[in-house]
Amino acid sequence: MTRIASLGMYDMPWLAWANDALWGRVAAGLRDAGFAEVPEILDRARPLAEVWRDPSLLFAQTCGYPLVTELHDVVTPIAAPVYSWPGCVAATHCSVIAVPTASSFGTLADLRGRRVAINGRDSNSGMNLLRHAVAPLAEGGRFFGEIVTTGSHLASLDHVAGGGADVAAIDCVTFGLVQRHLPELVEGVRVIGETTKSPALPFVTRTGASAGEIAMLLSALREAIADPALAGAVGALGLAGVEPVSLDDYALVWGYEREAMAAGYPVLS
């Protein structure tokens, strides 16, 4: 049976061509190395939660929070991407705190009692890093007045820009991609700060993958990013390289949750 591959974390319609080019080069490298059952195209038909849990998973990218809370016995990290966007340092990223351009908010403290947009409760960048940032400001386990769950960072940006929310924590990679490719989507927001950093969204494969299989995947990925023929696609994605990682590297993500809990702020509210 042919394995499956996905690059769904940053696979907006306007970046599909770049992800297709990247995967095509990775897949070719794997076949050249003798890897069997390599899919020719990315799986865009199923929800990511299903893709991550499929026993035939060959290659995907996931968020660091579900990695440590739900997927630690389902997938194995291969590498963390190094992005060139502002807010990314080596193989780490952060979230930017975005508010409406016309608002008077200057700091996170100014947003007490306001409406926050989050992409999902299982998001590291949209929820976990924001919870960690807000925890020292919370009183009685609360800080915001209302939570709006939007389903995506792009939808959260739209909420903030359109007045449907007062603030959102947006993954700096997503923010950089939007600024580069669709700057009109961020014209209605401004950034007032950044969260702490955490490891960037890892590329993963199925649990139980051999060390040799992981090494082949890492090598094919590195070669694809370094291929001059892919400079346009790689540049569009903001990819500068990858660094090997293990599940232990993402313990920091869970650590931020524990710190918020210790501060009396276990749930973003």
C-alpha atoms as a PDB file:
ATOM      1  CA  MET A   1       0.000   0.000   0.000  1.00  0.00           C
ATOM      2  CA  THR A   2       1.271   3.452  -0.907  1.00  0.00           C
ATOM      3  CA  ARG A   3       2.104   5.583   2.103  1.00  0.00           C
ATOM      4  CA  ILE A   4       0.608   9.062   2.632  1.00  0.00           C
ATOM      5  CA  ALA A   5       2.155  12.508   2.901  1.00  0.00           C
ATOM      6  CA  SER A   6       0.793  15.881   3.959  1.00  0.00           C
ATOM      7  CA  LEU A   7       2.087  19.423   4.406  1.00  0.00           C
ATOM      8  CA  GLY A   8      -1.203  20.721   5.691  1.00  0.00           C
ATOM      9  CA  MET A   9      -0.044  23.089   8.425  1.00  0.00           C
ATOM     10  CA  TYR A  10       0.968  25.815   5.959  1.00  0.00           C
ATOM     11  CA  ASP A  11      -0.832  24.596   2.859  1.00  0.00           C
ATOM     12  CA  MET A  12      -3.010  27.600   2.076  1.00  0.00           C
ATOM     13  CA  PRO A  13      -4.462  27.539  -1.469  1.00  0.00           C
ATOM     14  CA  TRP A  14      -2.010  30.219  -2.547  1.00  0.00           C
ATOM     15  CA  LEU A  15       0.916  28.091  -1.328  1.00  0.00           C
ATOM     16  CA  ALA A  16      -0.206  24.738  -2.714  1.00  0.00           C
ATOM     17  CA  TRP A  17       2.137  25.081  -5.704  1.00  0.00           C
ATOM     18  CA  ALA A  18       5.134  25.564  -3.387  1.00  0.00           C
ATOM     19  CA  ASN A  19       4.237  22.605  -1.173  1.00  0.00           C
ATOM     20  CA  ASP A  20       3.665  20.441  -4.246  1.00  0.00           C
ATOM     21  CA  ALA A  21       7.105  21.376  -5.559  1.00  0.00           C
ATOM     22  CA  LEU A  22       8.760  20.685  -2.215  1.00  0.00           C
ATOM     23  CA  TRP A  23       7.078  17.325  -1.801  1.00  0.00           C
ATOM     24  CA  GLY A  24       7.828  16.344  -5.404  1.00  0.00           C
ATOM     25  CA  ARG A  25      11.543  16.859  -4.770  1.00  0.00           C
ATOM     26  CA  VAL A  26      11.439  15.063  -1.401  1.00  0.00           C
ATOM     27  CA  ALA A  27       9.569  12.147  -2.954  1.00  0.00           C
ATOM     28  CA  ALA A  28      12.075  11.918  -5.816  1.00  0.00           C
ATOM     29  CA  GLY A  29      14.940  11.863  -3.327  1.00  0.00           C
ATOM     30  CA  LEU A  30      13.304   9.069  -1.357  1.00  0.00           C
ATOM     31  CA  ARG A  31      12.746   6.975  -4.479  1.00  0.00           C
ATOM     32  CA  ASP A  32      16.337   7.536  -5.590  1.00  0.00           C
ATOM     33  CA  ALA A  33      17.449   6.270  -2.174  1.00  0.00           C
ATOM     34  CA  GLY A  34      15.439   3.081  -2.674  1.00  0.00           C
ATOM     35  CA  PHE A  35      12.473   4.019  -0.503  1.00  0.00           C
ATOM     36  CA  ALA A  36       9.364   2.045  -1.456  1.00  0.00           C
ATOM     37  CA  GLU A  37       5.711   3.125  -1.575  1.00  0.00           C
ATOM     38  CA  VAL A  38       6.363   6.865  -1.813  1.00  0.00           C
ATOM     39  CA  PRO A  39       3.197   8.840  -2.652  1.00  0.00           C
ATOM     40  CA  GLU A  40       3.351  11.099  -5.692  1.00  0.00           C
ATOM     41  CA  ILE A  41       0.973  13.734  -4.339  1.00  0.00           C
ATOM     42  CA  LEU A  42       0.082  15.254  -0.984  1.00  0.00           C
ATOM     43  CA  ASP A  43      -3.079  14.143   0.788  1.00  0.00           C
ATOM     44  CA  ARG A  44      -5.431  17.139   0.950  1.00  0.00           C
ATOM     45  CA  ALA A  45      -8.673  15.162   1.168  1.00  0.00           C
ATOM     46  CA  ARG A  46      -8.760  14.249   4.850  1.00  0.00           C
ATOM     47  CA  PRO A  47      -8.613  16.205   8.112  1.00  0.00           C
ATOM     48  CA  LEU A  48      -5.128  16.463   9.538  1.00  0.00           C
ATOM     49  CA  ALA A  49      -6.195  14.606  12.685  1.00  0.00           C
ATOM     50  CA  GLU A  50      -6.893  11.557  10.511  1.00  0.00           C
ATOM     51  CA  VAL A  51      -3.679  11.918   8.517  1.00  0.00           C
ATOM     52  CA  TRP A  52      -1.519  12.056  11.652  1.00  0.00           C
ATOM     53  CA  ARG A  53      -3.092   8.889  13.024  1.00  0.00           C
ATOM     54  CA  ASP A  54      -2.976   6.856   9.815  1.00  0.00           C
ATOM     55  CA  PRO A  55      -0.619   3.850  10.227  1.00  0.00           C
ATOM     56  CA  SER A  56       0.526   4.369   6.635  1.00  0.00           C
ATOM     57  CA  LEU A  57       1.783   7.911   7.336  1.00  0.00           C
ATOM     58  CA  LEU A  58       5.130   8.597   5.708  1.00  0.00           C
ATOM     59  CA  PHE A  59       5.543  12.350   6.111  1.00  0.00           C
ATOM     60  CA  ALA A  60       3.552  15.203   7.622  1.00  0.00           C
ATOM     61  CA  GLN A  61       3.835  18.317   9.750  1.00  0.00           C
ATOM     62  CA  THR A  62       2.028  18.843  13.026  1.00  0.00           C
ATOM     63  CA  CYS A  63       1.654  21.393  15.819  1.00  0.00           C
ATOM     64  CA  GLY A  64       3.831  21.039  18.895  1.00  0.00           C
ATOM     65  CA  TYR A  65       0.920  21.075  21.358  1.00  0.00           C
ATOM     66  CA  PRO A  66      -0.996  18.049  19.995  1.00  0.00           C
ATOM     67  CA  LEU A  67       2.358  16.368  19.484  1.00  0.00           C
ATOM     68  CA  VAL A  68       2.972  16.262  23.241  1.00  0.00           C
ATOM     69  CA  THR A  69      -0.639  15.958  24.402  1.00  0.00           C
ATOM     70  CA  GLU A  70      -2.204  13.525  21.914  1.00  0.00           C
ATOM     71  CA  LEU A  71       0.247  12.263  19.288  1.00  0.00           C
ATOM     72  CA  HIS A  72       3.350  11.327  21.283  1.00  0.00           C
ATOM     73  CA  ASP A  73       2.661   7.610  20.779  1.00  0.00           C
ATOM     74  CA  VAL A  74       1.307   8.010  17.224  1.00  0.00           C
ATOM     75  CA  VAL A  75       4.012   9.927  15.335  1.00  0.00           C
ATOM     76  CA  THR A  76       7.786  10.331  15.511  1.00  0.00           C
ATOM     77  CA  PRO A  77       9.423  13.733  14.936  1.00  0.00           C
ATOM     78  CA  ILE A  78      11.910  13.900  12.059  1.00  0.00           C
ATOM     79  CA  ALA A  79      13.040  17.515  12.075  1.00  0.00           C
ATOM     80  CA  ALA A  80      11.989  21.045  12.948  1.00  0.00           C
ATOM     81  CA  PRO A  81      11.975  23.650  10.182  1.00  0.00           C
ATOM     82  CA  VAL A  82      14.148  26.745  10.274  1.00  0.00           C
ATOM     83  CA  TYR A  83      12.102  29.631   8.888  1.00  0.00           C
ATOM     84  CA  SER A  84      13.304  33.044   7.755  1.00  0.00           C
ATOM     85  CA  TRP A  85      10.256  34.961   8.990  1.00  0.00           C
ATOM     86  CA  PRO A  86      10.494  37.591  11.770  1.00  0.00           C
ATOM     87  CA  GLY A  87      10.012  35.921  15.152  1.00  0.00           C
ATOM     88  CA  CYS A  88      11.795  32.722  14.098  1.00  0.00           C
ATOM     89  CA  VAL A  89      15.245  31.981  15.516  1.00  0.00           C
ATOM     90  CA  ALA A  90      16.965  28.764  14.424  1.00  0.00           C
ATOM     91  CA  ALA A  91      14.299  26.027  14.640  1.00  0.00           C
ATOM     92  CA  THR A  92      11.959  28.009  16.914  1.00  0.00           C
ATOM     93  CA  HIS A  93       8.953  30.222  16.402  1.00  0.00           C
ATOM     94  CA  CYS A  94       6.615  32.380  18.479  1.00  0.00           C
ATOM     95  CA  SER A  95       3.241  34.026  18.159  1.00  0.00           C
ATOM     96  CA  VAL A  96       2.649  37.691  17.474  1.00  0.00           C
ATOM     97  CA  ILE A  97      -0.042  39.493  19.470  1.00  0.00           C
ATOM     98  CA  ALA A  98      -2.279  41.138  16.872  1.00  0.00           C
ATOM     99  CA  VAL A  99      -4.883  43.823  17.606  1.00  0.00           C
ATOM    100  CA  PRO A 100      -7.008  46.052  15.348  1.00  0.00           C
ATOM    101  CA  THR A 101      -4.984  48.799  13.700  1.00  0.00           C
ATOM    102  CA  ALA A 102      -7.338  51.525  14.888  1.00  0.00           C
ATOM    103  CA  SER A 103      -7.423  50.325  18.507  1.00  0.00           C
ATOM    104  CA  SER A 104      -5.554  51.971  21.370  1.00  0.00           C
ATOM    105  CA  PHE A 105      -4.227  48.712  22.855  1.00  0.00           C
ATOM    106  CA  GLY A 106      -0.514  48.922  23.560  1.00  0.00           C
ATOM    107  CA  THR A 107       0.208  45.941  25.793  1.00  0.00           C
ATOM    108  CA  LEU A 108      -1.351  42.599  26.615  1.00  0.00           C
ATOM    109  CA  ALA A 109      -2.492  44.030  29.955  1.00  0.00           C
ATOM    110  CA  ASP A 110      -4.699  46.501  28.064  1.00  0.00           C
ATOM    111  CA  LEU A 111      -6.774  43.587  26.783  1.00  0.00           C
ATOM    112  CA  ARG A 112      -8.223  42.512  30.121  1.00  0.00           C
ATOM    113  CA  GLY A 113     -11.901  41.675  29.712  1.00  0.00           C
ATOM    114  CA  ARG A 114     -11.719  41.876  25.912  1.00  0.00           C
ATOM    115  CA  ARG A 115     -12.685  39.362  23.229  1.00  0.00           C
ATOM    116  CA  VAL A 116      -9.908  37.054  22.007  1.00  0.00           C
ATOM    117  CA  ALA A 117      -9.940  34.938  18.853  1.00  0.00           C
ATOM    118  CA  ILE A 118      -8.169  31.565  18.898  1.00  0.00           C
ATOM    119  CA  ASN A 119      -7.771  29.136  16.051  1.00  0.00           C
ATOM    120  CA  GLY A 120      -8.359  26.154  18.364  1.00  0.00           C
ATOM    121  CA  ARG A 121      -7.938  24.877  21.901  1.00  0.00           C
ATOM    122  CA  ASP A 122      -5.345  22.377  20.650  1.00  0.00           C
ATOM    123  CA  SER A 123      -3.067  25.038  19.127  1.00  0.00           C
ATOM    124  CA  ASN A 124       0.317  25.833  20.597  1.00  0.00           C
ATOM    125  CA  SER A 125       0.662  29.188  18.848  1.00  0.00           C
ATOM    126  CA  GLY A 126      -2.963  30.303  19.075  1.00  0.00           C
ATOM    127  CA  MET A 127      -3.757  29.060  22.585  1.00  0.00           C
ATOM    128  CA  ASN A 128      -0.889  27.563  24.583  1.00  0.00           C
ATOM    129  CA  LEU A 129       1.656  30.350  24.056  1.00  0.00           C
ATOM    130  CA  LEU A 130      -1.036  32.977  24.620  1.00  0.00           C
ATOM    131  CA  ARG A 131      -2.178  31.262  27.830  1.00  0.00           C
ATOM    132  CA  HIS A 132       1.432  31.275  29.031  1.00  0.00           C
ATOM    133  CA  ALA A 133       1.759  34.990  28.252  1.00  0.00           C
ATOM    134  CA  VAL A 134      -1.520  35.891  29.958  1.00  0.00           C
ATOM    135  CA  ALA A 135      -1.085  33.718  33.084  1.00  0.00           C
ATOM    136  CA  PRO A 136       0.813  36.364  35.117  1.00  0.00           C
ATOM    137  CA  LEU A 137      -1.967  38.877  34.378  1.00  0.00           C
ATOM    138  CA  ALA A 138      -4.968  36.652  35.141  1.00  0.00           C
ATOM    139  CA  GLU A 139      -7.087  37.152  38.250  1.00  0.00           C
ATOM    140  CA  GLY A 140      -9.140  34.321  39.678  1.00  0.00           C
ATOM    141  CA  GLY A 141      -8.316  32.168  36.674  1.00  0.00           C
ATOM    142  CA  ARG A 142      -9.721  34.688  34.191  1.00  0.00           C
ATOM    143  CA  PHE A 143      -8.391  37.434  31.965  1.00  0.00           C
ATOM    144  CA  PHE A 144     -10.400  37.735  28.754  1.00  0.00           C
ATOM    145  CA  GLY A 145     -14.089  38.545  28.603  1.00  0.00           C
ATOM    146  CA  GLU A 146     -14.947  36.234  25.710  1.00  0.00           C
ATOM    147  CA  ILE A 147     -13.277  33.503  23.651  1.00  0.00           C
ATOM    148  CA  VAL A 148     -14.102  33.120  19.946  1.00  0.00           C
ATOM    149  CA  THR A 149     -12.865  29.911  18.299  1.00  0.00           C
ATOM    150  CA  THR A 150     -12.295  30.559  14.597  1.00  0.00           C
ATOM    151  CA  GLY A 151     -10.759  27.336  13.252  1.00  0.00           C
ATOM    152  CA  SER A 152      -7.663  28.878  11.678  1.00  0.00           C
ATOM    153  CA  HIS A 153      -5.098  31.637  12.097  1.00  0.00           C
ATOM    154  CA  LEU A 154      -6.340  33.286   8.906  1.00  0.00           C
ATOM    155  CA  ALA A 155      -9.862  33.376  10.303  1.00  0.00           C
ATOM    156  CA  SER A 156      -8.538  34.819  13.568  1.00  0.00           C
ATOM    157  CA  LEU A 157      -6.772  37.571  11.629  1.00  0.00           C
ATOM    158  CA  ASP A 158     -10.019  38.298   9.807  1.00  0.00           C
ATOM    159  CA  HIS A 159     -11.872  38.529  13.121  1.00  0.00           C
ATOM    160  CA  VAL A 160      -9.375  41.021  14.516  1.00  0.00           C
ATOM    161  CA  ALA A 161      -9.213  43.107  11.351  1.00  0.00           C
ATOM    162  CA  GLY A 162     -12.990  43.157  11.003  1.00  0.00           C
ATOM    163  CA  GLY A 163     -13.800  43.980  14.603  1.00  0.00           C
ATOM    164  CA  GLY A 164     -15.023  40.514  15.578  1.00  0.00           C
ATOM    165  CA  ALA A 165     -12.256  40.216  18.166  1.00  0.00           C
ATOM    166  CA  ASP A 166      -9.901  42.536  20.001  1.00  0.00           C
ATOM    167  CA  VAL A 167      -6.820  40.322  19.896  1.00  0.00           C
ATOM    168  CA  ALA A 168      -5.392  37.061  18.599  1.00  0.00           C
ATOM    169  CA  ALA A 169      -2.082  35.240  18.936  1.00  0.00           C
ATOM    170  CA  ILE A 170      -0.942  34.404  15.407  1.00  0.00           C
ATOM    171  CA  ASP A 171       1.866  31.996  14.604  1.00  0.00           C
ATOM    172  CA  CYS A 172       4.699  34.182  13.320  1.00  0.00           C
ATOM    173  CA  VAL A 173       5.224  31.829  10.370  1.00  0.00           C
ATOM    174  CA  THR A 174       1.627  32.271   9.271  1.00  0.00           C
ATOM    175  CA  PHE A 175       1.911  36.030   9.839  1.00  0.00           C
ATOM    176  CA  GLY A 176       5.089  36.169   7.760  1.00  0.00           C
ATOM    177  CA  LEU A 177       3.523  34.145   4.956  1.00  0.00           C
ATOM    178  CA  VAL A 178       0.492  36.435   4.859  1.00  0.00           C
ATOM    179  CA  GLN A 179       2.618  39.593   4.917  1.00  0.00           C
ATOM    180  CA  ARG A 180       4.639  38.247   1.995  1.00  0.00           C
ATOM    181  CA  HIS A 181       1.881  36.820  -0.195  1.00  0.00           C
ATOM    182  CA  LEU A 182      -1.408  38.486   0.808  1.00  0.00           C
ATOM    183  CA  PRO A 183      -0.493  41.674   2.689  1.00  0.00           C
ATOM    184  CA  GLU A 184      -4.037  42.998   2.383  1.00  0.00           C
ATOM    185  CA  LEU A 185      -5.082  40.398   4.974  1.00  0.00           C
ATOM    186  CA  VAL A 186      -3.010  42.099   7.678  1.00  0.00           C
ATOM    187  CA  GLU A 187      -3.712  45.716   6.765  1.00  0.00           C
ATOM    188  CA  GLY A 188      -6.337  45.899   9.498  1.00  0.00           C
ATOM    189  CA  VAL A 189      -4.105  44.599  12.299  1.00  0.00           C
ATOM    190  CA  ARG A 190      -0.955  45.675  14.070  1.00  0.00           C
ATOM    191  CA  VAL A 191       1.419  43.739  16.309  1.00  0.00           C
ATOM    192  CA  ILE A 192       1.923  44.855  19.905  1.00  0.00           C
ATOM    193  CA  GLY A 193       4.218  42.059  21.069  1.00  0.00           C
ATOM    194  CA  GLU A 194       5.425  38.485  20.828  1.00  0.00           C
ATOM    195  CA  THR A 195       5.046  35.415  23.006  1.00  0.00           C
ATOM    196  CA  THR A 196       7.941  33.352  24.244  1.00  0.00           C
ATOM    197  CA  LYS A 197       9.462  30.986  21.692  1.00  0.00           C
ATOM    198  CA  SER A 198       8.971  27.254  21.292  1.00  0.00           C
ATOM    199  CA  PRO A 199      10.233  24.641  18.827  1.00  0.00           C
ATOM    200  CA  ALA A 200       8.854  25.130  15.325  1.00  0.00           C
ATOM    201  CA  LEU A 201       6.144  22.832  13.981  1.00  0.00           C
ATOM    202  CA  PRO A 202       7.832  19.442  13.483  1.00  0.00           C
ATOM    203  CA  PHE A 203       7.901  17.273  10.414  1.00  0.00           C
ATOM    204  CA  VAL A 204       6.859  13.783  11.529  1.00  0.00           C
ATOM    205  CA  THR A 205       6.436  10.214  10.386  1.00  0.00           C
ATOM    206  CA  ARG A 206       4.590   7.246  11.842  1.00  0.00           C
ATOM    207  CA  THR A 207       5.548   5.847  15.206  1.00  0.00           C
ATOM    208  CA  GLY A 208       7.807   2.833  14.970  1.00  0.00           C
ATOM    209  CA  ALA A 209       9.749   4.174  11.998  1.00  0.00           C
ATOM    210  CA  SER A 210      13.313   2.868  11.995  1.00  0.00           C
ATOM    211  CA  ALA A 211      16.329   5.095  12.531  1.00  0.00           C
ATOM    212  CA  GLY A 212      17.292   4.409   8.920  1.00  0.00           C
ATOM    213  CA  GLU A 213      13.887   5.510   7.632  1.00  0.00           C
ATOM    214  CA  ILE A 214      14.018   8.722   9.660  1.00  0.00           C
ATOM    215  CA  ALA A 215      17.540   9.423   8.393  1.00  0.00           C
ATOM    216  CA  MET A 216      16.385   8.973   4.785  1.00  0.00           C
ATOM    217  CA  LEU A 217      13.459  11.319   5.299  1.00  0.00           C
ATOM    218  CA  LEU A 218      15.684  13.949   6.894  1.00  0.00           C
ATOM    219  CA  SER A 219      18.253  13.670   4.109  1.00  0.00           C
ATOM    220  CA  ALA A 220      15.615  13.957   1.358  1.00  0.00           C
ATOM    221  CA  LEU A 221      14.112  16.991   3.060  1.00  0.00           C
ATOM    222  CA  ARG A 222      17.483  18.714   3.416  1.00  0.00           C
ATOM    223  CA  GLU A 223      18.374  18.037  -0.191  1.00  0.00           C
ATOM    224  CA  ALA A 224      15.046  19.419  -1.393  1.00  0.00           C
ATOM    225  CA  ILE A 225      15.419  22.656   0.577  1.00  0.00           C
ATOM    226  CA  ALA A 226      18.968  23.109  -0.725  1.00  0.00           C
ATOM    227  CA  ASP A 227      18.070  22.369  -4.374  1.00  0.00           C
ATOM    228  CA  PRO A 228      18.584  25.561  -6.450  1.00  0.00           C
ATOM    229  CA  ALA A 229      15.772  24.427  -8.748  1.00  0.00           C
ATOM    230  CA  LEU A 230      13.369  24.779  -5.819  1.00  0.00           C
ATOM    231  CA  ALA A 231      14.556  28.216  -4.718  1.00  0.00           C
ATOM    232  CA  GLY A 232      11.262  29.849  -5.678  1.00  0.00           C
ATOM    233  CA  ALA A 233       9.096  27.363  -3.806  1.00  0.00           C
ATOM    234  CA  VAL A 234      11.372  27.191  -0.772  1.00  0.00           C
ATOM    235  CA  GLY A 235      11.564  30.979  -0.651  1.00  0.00           C
ATOM    236  CA  ALA A 236       7.789  31.269  -0.869  1.00  0.00           C
ATOM    237  CA  LEU A 237       7.494  28.983   2.162  1.00  0.00           C
ATOM    238  CA  GLY A 238      10.234  30.850   4.015  1.00  0.00           C
ATOM    239  CA  LEU A 239      12.180  27.647   4.594  1.00  0.00           C
ATOM    240  CA  ALA A 240      15.858  28.109   5.369  1.00  0.00           C
ATOM    241  CA  GLY A 241      16.667  24.592   6.579  1.00  0.00           C
ATOM    242  CA  VAL A 242      15.774  21.911   9.113  1.00  0.00           C
ATOM    243  CA  GLU A 243      17.243  20.657  12.373  1.00  0.00           C
ATOM    244  CA  PRO A 244      16.878  17.110  13.752  1.00  0.00           C
ATOM    245  CA  VAL A 245      14.581  16.939  16.770  1.00  0.00           C
ATOM    246  CA  SER A 246      13.108  14.374  19.132  1.00  0.00           C
ATOM    247  CA  LEU A 247       9.956  14.316  21.218  1.00  0.00           C
ATOM    248  CA  ASP A 248      12.011  15.484  24.200  1.00  0.00           C
ATOM    249  CA  ASP A 249      12.686  18.803  22.446  1.00  0.00           C
ATOM    250  CA  TYR A 250       8.957  19.549  22.618  1.00  0.00           C
ATOM    251  CA  ALA A 251       8.695  19.047  26.378  1.00  0.00           C
ATOM    252  CA  LEU A 252       9.052  22.837  26.533  1.00  0.00           C
ATOM    253  CA  VAL A 253       5.580  23.155  25.002  1.00  0.00           C
ATOM    254  CA  TRP A 254       4.086  21.091  27.811  1.00  0.00           C
ATOM    255  CA  GLY A 255       6.214  23.036  30.273  1.00  0.00           C
ATOM    256  CA  TYR A 256       4.461  26.251  29.290  1.00  0.00           C
ATOM    257  CA  GLU A 257       1.133  24.609  30.093  1.00  0.00           C
ATOM    258  CA  ARG A 258       2.389  23.508  33.500  1.00  0.00           C
ATOM    259  CA  GLU A 259       3.673  27.011  34.243  1.00  0.00           C
ATOM    260  CA  ALA A 260       0.266  28.491  33.431  1.00  0.00           C
ATOM    261  CA  MET A 261      -1.412  25.912  35.650  1.00  0.00           C
ATOM    262  CA  ALA A 262       0.978  26.681  38.482  1.00  0.00           C
ATOM    263  CA  ALA A 263       0.047  30.354  38.123  1.00  0.00           C
ATOM    264  CA  GLY A 264      -3.628  29.469  38.575  1.00  0.00           C
ATOM    265  CA  TYR A 265      -4.539  29.840  34.913  1.00  0.00           C
ATOM    266  CA  PRO A 266      -5.071  26.292  33.571  1.00  0.00           C
ATOM    267  CA  VAL A 267      -7.558  27.243  30.850  1.00  0.00           C
ATOM    268  CA  LEU A 268      -7.464  30.226  28.503  1.00  0.00           C
ATOM    269  CA  SER A 269     -10.419  32.252  29.687  1.00  0.00           C
END
